[in-house]
Amino acid sequence: MLVLYRAEHRWEDRAFRELPQFLRAGDCLVLNDSKVFPSRLLGRRAGVHSLPVGKNNPKRWQNLSGEVEVFLIEPAADDAKTWTALVHPGRKVRVGERIQFGDVEAEIVGRGQYGERTVRFHFDGDLYRLFDKIGHVPLPPYIKRLDTPADRERYQTVFARQTGSVAAPTAGLHFTPEILDACRKTGASVAYVTLHVGLGTFQPVRGESLHAERFEISDENAAAIRGAQRAICIGTTSVRAVESIYLGKVDETDLFIRSGFSFQRTDAMLTNFHLPESSLLMLVCAFAGREFVLSAYQHAVETGYRFYSYGDCMLVL
């Protein structure tokens, strides 16, 4: 864990297990309790059959095989049967086409501004149970391997409770029940927000706002955050949820935090090391200063810190 002191413009190398040493009575840790679901579905265009590949073709199937990957983002309707999704290969899957997931069929019923598809499932049961059965863990694209059964637990925080994310709020992955207990013993409290991670967290930056993501905070948790001496947000999603409250946003937020943003309640944050030019790195730079953060990143690279989802973290005080 790299600890950054904003006021002093200095940092020090520590370990995450030392986090409780930086807490005091009156602090409030803000955790995002959203739970990742198996949102990556592998199907086949209805009516197209698999064709084996010749010996000279290294691919598993010919392009005519009809294999389709559907990456679910969020429900697009109240009945939860209609979803916004990314589809690959997108050019071949047009509005009106049907995709077969075993015995379950879905239809492409719309197309979004940036190539997203609207997918309606022809299924009368609980879709989340279906996704648990046929879906794959949506590991980040820079993890070059197939998901395994172990990822269903590893790519999930120990406090995840509310199903709805398509990517883990990764700063929370560092926590164990023992670390949380140690944090509470310092006199710090814990409050929960729910921000379901979707396109807004990892899509390329376009324009003045991000793709809206669903979020909620109970009155009890909001009161704990407001009354804390310091609100210490665990992850950029917690920051966006907390700051959205103070901007009067309800149910969903497209808040894009970047240079010049005036933070209302975030006093400190724990965050992983992020991809260059991402909205996540822009948020951290807005909080601690661009040059300071980039210098700290350079130190992290030279020192051998691990980056991204399963990597190390940074505590910004």
Protein backbone atom coordinates (compact mmCIF):
# COMPACT_ATOMS: atom_id res chain seq x y z
CA MET A 1 0.00 0.00 0.00
CA LEU A 2 1.45 3.32 -1.12
CA VAL A 3 0.36 6.11 1.25
CA LEU A 4 0.10 9.63 -0.21
CA TYR A 5 0.00 12.71 2.03
CA ARG A 6 -1.61 15.45 -0.03
CA ALA A 7 -0.79 18.38 2.25
CA GLU A 8 2.89 17.45 2.51
CA HIS A 9 3.33 16.17 -1.05
CA ARG A 10 5.12 13.06 0.10
CA TRP A 11 4.50 9.32 0.13
CA GLU A 12 5.68 6.24 1.94
CA ASP A 13 5.62 2.52 1.26
CA ARG A 14 3.46 0.58 3.68
CA ALA A 15 1.41 -2.65 3.73
CA PHE A 16 -2.38 -2.85 3.50
CA ARG A 17 -2.58 -4.70 6.82
CA GLU A 18 -1.41 -1.42 8.40
CA LEU A 19 -4.53 0.46 7.26
CA PRO A 20 -6.06 0.53 10.80
CA GLN A 21 -3.03 2.54 11.96
CA PHE A 22 -4.22 5.44 9.80
CA LEU A 23 -7.73 5.49 11.27
CA ARG A 24 -9.07 7.17 14.37
CA ALA A 25 -12.31 7.48 16.31
CA GLY A 26 -14.89 9.45 14.36
CA ASP A 27 -13.76 8.22 10.95
CA CYS A 28 -16.20 6.47 8.64
CA LEU A 29 -15.07 3.91 6.09
CA VAL A 30 -17.40 4.02 3.08
CA LEU A 31 -17.67 0.66 1.30
CA ASN A 32 -19.44 -0.20 -1.94
CA ASP A 33 -21.41 -3.40 -1.27
CA SER A 34 -22.40 -4.05 -4.89
CA LYS A 35 -22.01 -7.68 -5.94
CA VAL A 36 -20.65 -8.85 -9.30
CA PHE A 37 -22.81 -11.31 -11.25
CA PRO A 38 -21.69 -13.61 -14.14
CA SER A 39 -22.55 -11.12 -16.86
CA ARG A 40 -20.50 -12.56 -19.74
CA LEU A 41 -22.70 -14.91 -21.77
CA LEU A 42 -21.52 -17.11 -24.64
CA GLY A 43 -24.21 -18.01 -27.15
CA ARG A 44 -24.89 -18.69 -30.79
CA ARG A 45 -26.89 -16.92 -33.46
CA ALA A 46 -30.14 -18.82 -33.84
CA GLY A 47 -30.21 -21.05 -36.91
CA VAL A 48 -26.42 -21.05 -37.40
CA HIS A 49 -24.65 -24.32 -36.71
CA SER A 50 -21.07 -25.00 -35.62
CA LEU A 51 -18.64 -26.00 -38.34
CA PRO A 52 -15.37 -27.76 -37.48
CA VAL A 53 -12.17 -26.10 -38.57
CA GLY A 54 -9.71 -27.51 -41.06
CA LYS A 55 -6.23 -28.56 -39.97
CA ASN A 56 -4.64 -25.37 -41.27
CA ASN A 57 -7.01 -23.06 -39.39
CA PRO A 58 -5.78 -22.32 -35.83
CA LYS A 59 -9.16 -21.03 -34.65
CA ARG A 60 -11.57 -23.32 -32.87
CA TRP A 61 -14.50 -22.53 -35.17
CA GLN A 62 -14.94 -20.93 -38.54
CA ASN A 63 -16.38 -17.40 -38.65
CA LEU A 64 -19.64 -18.94 -39.90
CA SER A 65 -20.10 -20.81 -36.63
CA GLY A 66 -22.33 -18.08 -35.25
CA GLU A 67 -20.67 -17.81 -31.85
CA VAL A 68 -21.62 -14.59 -30.02
CA GLU A 69 -20.44 -13.05 -26.78
CA VAL A 70 -22.97 -10.91 -24.90
CA PHE A 71 -21.60 -8.78 -22.10
CA LEU A 72 -24.54 -7.59 -19.99
CA ILE A 73 -24.30 -4.08 -18.55
CA GLU A 74 -27.55 -3.26 -16.77
CA PRO A 75 -31.31 -3.88 -16.90
CA ALA A 76 -32.98 -1.59 -19.41
CA ALA A 77 -36.54 -2.08 -18.19
CA ASP A 78 -38.39 -2.57 -14.91
CA ASP A 79 -39.20 -6.21 -15.68
CA ALA A 80 -35.44 -7.00 -15.87
CA LYS A 81 -35.95 -9.09 -19.02
CA THR A 82 -34.49 -6.36 -21.22
CA TRP A 83 -30.82 -5.48 -20.85
CA THR A 84 -28.24 -3.11 -22.25
CA ALA A 85 -25.26 -5.14 -23.44
CA LEU A 86 -22.11 -5.13 -25.52
CA VAL A 87 -22.14 -7.77 -28.24
CA HIS A 88 -19.22 -9.32 -30.12
CA PRO A 89 -18.96 -9.57 -33.06
CA GLY A 90 -21.21 -6.52 -33.13
CA ARG A 91 -21.31 -5.98 -36.90
CA LYS A 92 -22.80 -9.39 -37.54
CA VAL A 93 -25.47 -9.22 -34.85
CA ARG A 94 -28.16 -6.80 -35.94
CA VAL A 95 -31.49 -5.69 -34.54
CA GLY A 96 -34.01 -8.48 -34.90
CA GLU A 97 -31.49 -11.30 -34.61
CA ARG A 98 -31.97 -14.03 -32.04
CA ILE A 99 -29.23 -15.56 -29.89
CA GLN A 100 -29.44 -18.99 -28.36
CA PHE A 101 -27.99 -19.69 -24.88
CA GLY A 102 -28.69 -23.39 -24.59
CA ASP A 103 -32.46 -23.68 -24.21
CA VAL A 104 -32.92 -19.94 -23.62
CA GLU A 105 -33.34 -17.45 -26.44
CA ALA A 106 -32.75 -13.70 -26.51
CA GLU A 107 -33.52 -11.13 -29.19
CA ILE A 108 -31.63 -7.99 -30.18
CA VAL A 109 -34.31 -5.29 -30.01
CA GLY A 110 -32.28 -2.08 -30.16
CA ARG A 111 -28.92 -0.41 -30.73
CA GLY A 112 -27.32 2.40 -28.71
CA GLN A 113 -25.27 5.43 -29.67
CA TYR A 114 -21.91 3.75 -29.06
CA GLY A 115 -22.75 0.32 -30.40
CA GLU A 116 -24.47 -1.08 -27.31
CA ARG A 117 -27.33 -3.48 -27.96
CA THR A 118 -30.65 -3.85 -26.19
CA VAL A 119 -31.27 -7.54 -25.55
CA ARG A 120 -34.60 -9.04 -24.50
CA PHE A 121 -34.60 -12.51 -22.93
CA HIS A 122 -37.50 -14.87 -23.64
CA PHE A 123 -37.42 -16.46 -20.22
CA ASP A 124 -40.03 -16.54 -17.47
CA GLY A 125 -37.81 -17.42 -14.51
CA ASP A 126 -35.31 -15.50 -12.39
CA LEU A 127 -32.75 -14.13 -14.82
CA TYR A 128 -30.04 -13.73 -12.19
CA ARG A 129 -30.34 -17.45 -11.42
CA LEU A 130 -30.04 -18.12 -15.13
CA PHE A 131 -26.93 -15.94 -15.36
CA ASP A 132 -25.43 -17.81 -12.39
CA LYS A 133 -25.95 -21.03 -14.32
CA ILE A 134 -24.79 -20.06 -17.83
CA GLY A 135 -22.73 -16.91 -17.31
CA HIS A 136 -19.00 -16.32 -16.88
CA VAL A 137 -17.22 -13.99 -14.46
CA PRO A 138 -16.59 -10.68 -16.32
CA LEU A 139 -12.85 -10.51 -15.73
CA PRO A 140 -11.21 -7.31 -17.04
CA PRO A 141 -10.00 -7.59 -20.67
CA TYR A 142 -6.35 -7.21 -19.65
CA ILE A 143 -6.57 -10.51 -17.76
CA LYS A 144 -5.69 -12.86 -20.62
CA ARG A 145 -7.24 -16.10 -19.41
CA LEU A 146 -10.60 -17.77 -19.08
CA ASP A 147 -12.47 -17.38 -15.83
CA THR A 148 -12.38 -20.25 -13.35
CA PRO A 149 -14.80 -21.31 -10.58
CA ALA A 150 -12.42 -19.69 -8.08
CA ASP A 151 -12.99 -16.28 -9.71
CA ARG A 152 -16.60 -16.28 -8.51
CA GLU A 153 -15.23 -15.77 -5.01
CA ARG A 154 -11.93 -14.01 -5.72
CA TYR A 155 -13.48 -11.33 -7.93
CA GLN A 156 -15.87 -10.32 -5.16
CA THR A 157 -15.48 -8.27 -2.00
CA VAL A 158 -16.15 -9.96 1.35
CA PHE A 159 -18.93 -7.42 2.01
CA ALA A 160 -20.70 -7.73 -1.38
CA ARG A 161 -24.46 -7.97 -0.84
CA GLN A 162 -26.42 -6.20 -3.59
CA THR A 163 -26.25 -7.98 -6.98
CA GLY A 164 -25.79 -5.76 -10.01
CA SER A 165 -22.15 -5.01 -10.95
CA VAL A 166 -20.33 -6.16 -14.07
CA ALA A 167 -16.93 -5.35 -12.57
CA ALA A 168 -15.72 -5.51 -9.00
CA PRO A 169 -15.16 -2.34 -6.94
CA THR A 170 -11.57 -3.49 -6.74
CA ALA A 171 -10.28 -1.39 -3.83
CA GLY A 172 -12.59 -3.46 -1.65
CA LEU A 173 -10.93 -6.72 -2.73
CA HIS A 174 -8.09 -6.06 -0.27
CA PHE A 175 -10.35 -6.37 2.77
CA THR A 176 -10.82 -9.47 4.91
CA PRO A 177 -13.26 -9.78 7.83
CA GLU A 178 -10.26 -9.53 10.17
CA ILE A 179 -9.09 -6.23 8.66
CA LEU A 180 -12.62 -4.81 8.91
CA ASP A 181 -12.77 -5.82 12.59
CA ALA A 182 -9.40 -4.16 13.20
CA CYS A 183 -10.68 -0.97 11.54
CA ARG A 184 -13.76 -0.91 13.78
CA LYS A 185 -11.59 -1.38 16.89
CA THR A 186 -9.95 1.97 16.18
CA GLY A 187 -13.31 3.64 16.77
CA ALA A 188 -14.01 4.11 13.07
CA SER A 189 -17.46 3.24 11.80
CA VAL A 190 -18.42 1.55 8.53
CA ALA A 191 -21.10 2.76 6.13
CA TYR A 192 -22.25 1.14 2.91
CA VAL A 193 -23.21 2.57 -0.45
CA THR A 194 -24.35 0.58 -3.46
CA LEU A 195 -23.08 1.67 -6.86
CA HIS A 196 -23.49 -0.99 -9.53
CA VAL A 197 -20.39 -0.81 -11.68
CA GLY A 198 -21.22 -0.54 -15.37
CA LEU A 199 -20.03 1.27 -18.48
CA GLY A 200 -19.50 4.51 -16.59
CA THR A 201 -16.54 3.07 -14.70
CA PHE A 202 -14.52 1.57 -17.54
CA GLN A 203 -15.73 2.99 -20.86
CA PRO A 204 -13.53 5.45 -22.78
CA VAL A 205 -14.03 9.07 -21.74
CA ARG A 206 -16.49 10.79 -24.08
CA GLY A 207 -17.74 14.33 -23.61
CA GLU A 208 -18.65 15.91 -20.29
CA SER A 209 -20.26 12.99 -18.46
CA LEU A 210 -20.04 9.23 -18.03
CA HIS A 211 -22.59 6.54 -18.76
CA ALA A 212 -25.07 6.63 -15.88
CA GLU A 213 -24.71 3.93 -13.21
CA ARG A 214 -27.33 2.89 -10.66
CA PHE A 215 -26.65 3.74 -7.03
CA GLU A 216 -28.39 4.01 -3.69
CA ILE A 217 -27.55 4.93 -0.11
CA SER A 218 -29.89 4.33 2.80
CA ASP A 219 -30.82 7.22 5.10
CA GLU A 220 -28.94 5.52 7.93
CA ASN A 221 -25.73 5.18 5.95
CA ALA A 222 -26.04 8.70 4.55
CA ALA A 223 -26.38 10.07 8.09
CA ALA A 224 -23.27 8.16 9.21
CA ILE A 225 -21.28 9.59 6.30
CA ARG A 226 -22.50 13.14 6.91
CA GLY A 227 -21.75 12.95 10.63
CA ALA A 228 -18.25 11.50 10.38
CA GLN A 229 -15.17 13.51 11.21
CA ARG A 230 -13.54 12.03 8.12
CA ALA A 231 -15.23 10.11 5.31
CA ILE A 232 -12.70 7.63 3.95
CA CYS A 233 -14.04 6.26 0.68
CA ILE A 234 -12.93 2.78 -0.33
CA GLY A 235 -12.68 2.91 -4.10
CA THR A 236 -13.57 5.46 -6.75
CA THR A 237 -17.13 4.09 -6.95
CA SER A 238 -17.68 4.98 -3.30
CA VAL A 239 -16.31 8.46 -4.00
CA ARG A 240 -18.72 8.94 -6.91
CA ALA A 241 -21.67 7.74 -4.84
CA VAL A 242 -20.85 9.98 -1.87
CA GLU A 243 -20.21 13.06 -4.00
CA SER A 244 -23.39 12.38 -5.99
CA ILE A 245 -25.45 12.66 -2.80
CA TYR A 246 -24.16 16.17 -2.24
CA LEU A 247 -25.04 17.10 -5.81
CA GLY A 248 -28.61 15.95 -5.28
CA LYS A 249 -28.43 12.94 -7.58
CA VAL A 250 -30.85 10.09 -6.88
CA ASP A 251 -30.97 6.49 -8.17
CA GLU A 252 -28.30 6.92 -10.84
CA THR A 253 -25.22 9.05 -11.44
CA ASP A 254 -23.22 10.09 -14.48
CA LEU A 255 -20.82 12.15 -12.36
CA PHE A 256 -17.47 12.65 -14.09
CA ILE A 257 -14.90 13.79 -11.51
CA ARG A 258 -11.84 15.44 -13.02
CA SER A 259 -9.52 18.41 -12.54
CA GLY A 260 -11.30 21.36 -10.92
CA PHE A 261 -13.98 19.29 -9.19
CA SER A 262 -14.87 20.54 -5.70
CA PHE A 263 -15.08 17.55 -3.34
CA GLN A 264 -17.82 17.99 -0.73
CA ARG A 265 -17.38 15.02 1.59
CA THR A 266 -14.49 12.77 0.54
CA ASP A 267 -11.66 13.34 3.03
CA ALA A 268 -9.48 10.38 2.09
CA MET A 269 -9.66 7.44 -0.30
CA LEU A 270 -8.24 4.00 -0.84
CA THR A 271 -7.88 3.07 -4.49
CA ASN A 272 -6.02 0.70 -6.79
CA PHE A 273 -3.62 1.81 -9.52
CA HIS A 274 -5.58 2.57 -12.69
CA LEU A 275 -5.18 2.50 -16.45
CA PRO A 276 -3.71 5.61 -18.11
CA GLU A 277 -6.23 8.16 -19.43
CA SER A 278 -9.11 6.46 -17.60
CA SER A 279 -11.83 8.37 -15.76
CA LEU A 280 -10.66 6.57 -12.59
CA LEU A 281 -7.16 8.02 -12.80
CA MET A 282 -8.65 11.44 -13.58
CA LEU A 283 -10.69 11.21 -10.37
CA VAL A 284 -7.62 10.40 -8.26
CA CYS A 285 -5.68 13.25 -9.91
CA ALA A 286 -8.54 15.65 -9.18
CA PHE A 287 -8.38 14.65 -5.51
CA ALA A 288 -4.61 14.71 -4.96
CA GLY A 289 -3.19 16.76 -7.83
CA ARG A 290 -2.13 15.49 -11.23
CA GLU A 291 1.63 15.96 -10.98
CA PHE A 292 1.77 14.54 -7.46
CA VAL A 293 -0.25 11.46 -8.41
CA LEU A 294 1.73 10.80 -11.60
CA SER A 295 4.99 11.11 -9.65
CA ALA A 296 3.66 8.59 -7.14
CA TYR A 297 2.68 6.28 -10.02
CA GLN A 298 6.22 6.50 -11.37
CA HIS A 299 7.54 5.52 -7.94
CA ALA A 300 5.07 2.62 -7.87
CA VAL A 301 6.31 1.38 -11.27
CA GLU A 302 9.96 1.62 -10.23
CA THR A 303 9.29 -0.08 -6.89
CA GLY A 304 7.36 -2.97 -8.38
CA TYR A 305 3.79 -2.29 -7.23
CA ARG A 306 1.17 -4.35 -9.03
CA PHE A 307 -1.43 -2.43 -11.01
CA TYR A 308 -5.14 -2.85 -11.88
CA SER A 309 -7.85 -5.14 -10.51
CA TYR A 310 -5.83 -7.73 -8.60
CA GLY A 311 -3.01 -5.31 -7.86
CA ASP A 312 -1.84 -3.21 -4.94
CA CYS A 313 -3.50 -0.10 -3.56
CA MET A 314 -2.89 3.52 -2.66
CA LEU A 315 -4.21 5.35 0.41
CA VAL A 316 -4.62 9.08 -0.27
CA LEU A 317 -4.81 11.18 2.89
